[in-house]
Protein backbone atom coordinates (compact mmCIF):
# COMPACT_ATOMS: atom_id res chain seq x y z
CA UNK A 1 -53.38 -134.86 -188.47
CA UNK A 2 -51.56 -135.91 -191.63
CA UNK A 3 -52.24 -133.93 -194.78
CA UNK A 4 -54.47 -135.75 -197.30
CA UNK A 5 -55.60 -133.75 -200.33
CA UNK A 6 -59.42 -133.75 -200.62
CA UNK A 7 -59.11 -133.62 -204.43
CA UNK A 8 -56.60 -136.35 -205.27
CA UNK A 9 -55.76 -138.01 -201.89
CA UNK A 10 -52.09 -137.02 -202.24
CA UNK A 11 -50.18 -136.82 -198.95
CA UNK A 12 -47.32 -134.43 -199.81
CA UNK A 13 -47.40 -130.65 -200.12
CA UNK A 14 -44.86 -127.87 -200.62
CA UNK A 15 -44.63 -124.11 -200.16
CA UNK A 16 -45.14 -122.03 -203.29
CA UNK A 17 -42.27 -119.72 -204.31
CA UNK A 18 -42.27 -117.32 -207.24
CA UNK A 19 -39.46 -115.61 -209.16
CA UNK A 20 -38.91 -112.03 -207.98
CA UNK A 21 -36.11 -109.82 -209.20
CA UNK A 22 -32.96 -111.92 -209.32
CA UNK A 23 -34.19 -114.51 -206.80
CA UNK A 24 -37.31 -116.11 -205.42
CA UNK A 25 -39.98 -115.00 -203.01
CA UNK A 26 -41.99 -117.24 -200.70
CA UNK A 27 -45.79 -116.79 -200.88
CA UNK A 28 -48.55 -117.45 -198.34
CA UNK A 29 -49.65 -120.43 -200.44
CA UNK A 30 -48.88 -124.13 -200.45
CA UNK A 31 -49.73 -126.71 -203.08
CA UNK A 32 -50.42 -130.43 -203.26
CA UNK A 33 -47.47 -132.22 -204.88
CA UNK A 34 -49.80 -134.61 -206.74
CA UNK A 35 -52.46 -132.36 -208.29
CA UNK A 36 -51.09 -128.82 -207.62
CA UNK A 37 -54.27 -127.65 -205.83
CA UNK A 38 -53.33 -124.48 -203.94
CA UNK A 39 -54.29 -123.67 -200.37
CA UNK A 40 -53.18 -121.48 -197.49
CA UNK A 41 -53.28 -123.80 -194.48
CA UNK A 42 -52.72 -127.54 -194.90
CA UNK A 43 -54.48 -128.33 -191.62
CA UNK A 44 -57.70 -126.81 -193.00
CA UNK A 45 -57.33 -128.25 -196.51
CA UNK A 46 -57.24 -131.93 -195.66
CA UNK A 47 -59.62 -134.88 -195.89
CA UNK A 48 -61.77 -135.32 -192.81
CA UNK A 49 -61.37 -131.76 -191.54
CA UNK A 50 -64.69 -130.36 -190.40
CA UNK A 51 -66.72 -133.48 -191.20
CA UNK A 52 -69.97 -133.60 -189.31
CA UNK A 53 -71.00 -136.88 -187.72
CA UNK A 54 -73.78 -138.77 -189.46
CA UNK A 55 -77.18 -137.97 -187.93
CA UNK A 56 -78.81 -140.77 -186.01
CA UNK A 57 -82.03 -142.27 -187.37
CA UNK A 58 -85.13 -140.83 -185.65
CA UNK A 59 -86.65 -143.14 -183.06
CA UNK A 60 -90.22 -144.42 -183.16
CA UNK A 61 -92.32 -144.35 -180.04
CA UNK A 62 -91.16 -147.94 -179.30
CA UNK A 63 -87.55 -146.73 -179.04
CA UNK A 64 -86.32 -148.51 -182.21
CA UNK A 65 -84.95 -146.62 -185.21
CA UNK A 66 -87.56 -145.85 -187.86
CA UNK A 67 -87.69 -148.38 -190.69
CA UNK A 68 -86.13 -151.20 -188.72
CA UNK A 69 -87.84 -154.14 -187.00
């Protein structure tokens, strides 16, 4: 599944590094390149992840969806 930011719809991300001592240290975080939202796992922080299917309309006794006919 391709990464798509749920905040801005950006499709690129990068690992977050911070200055430490005389160099840099990699963190457990990543960020969206478009809006800089931070997250830990891009596969969990993406549009469409965990979406539940739309519930079906309840059926009337005739077998047709309620409100139609």
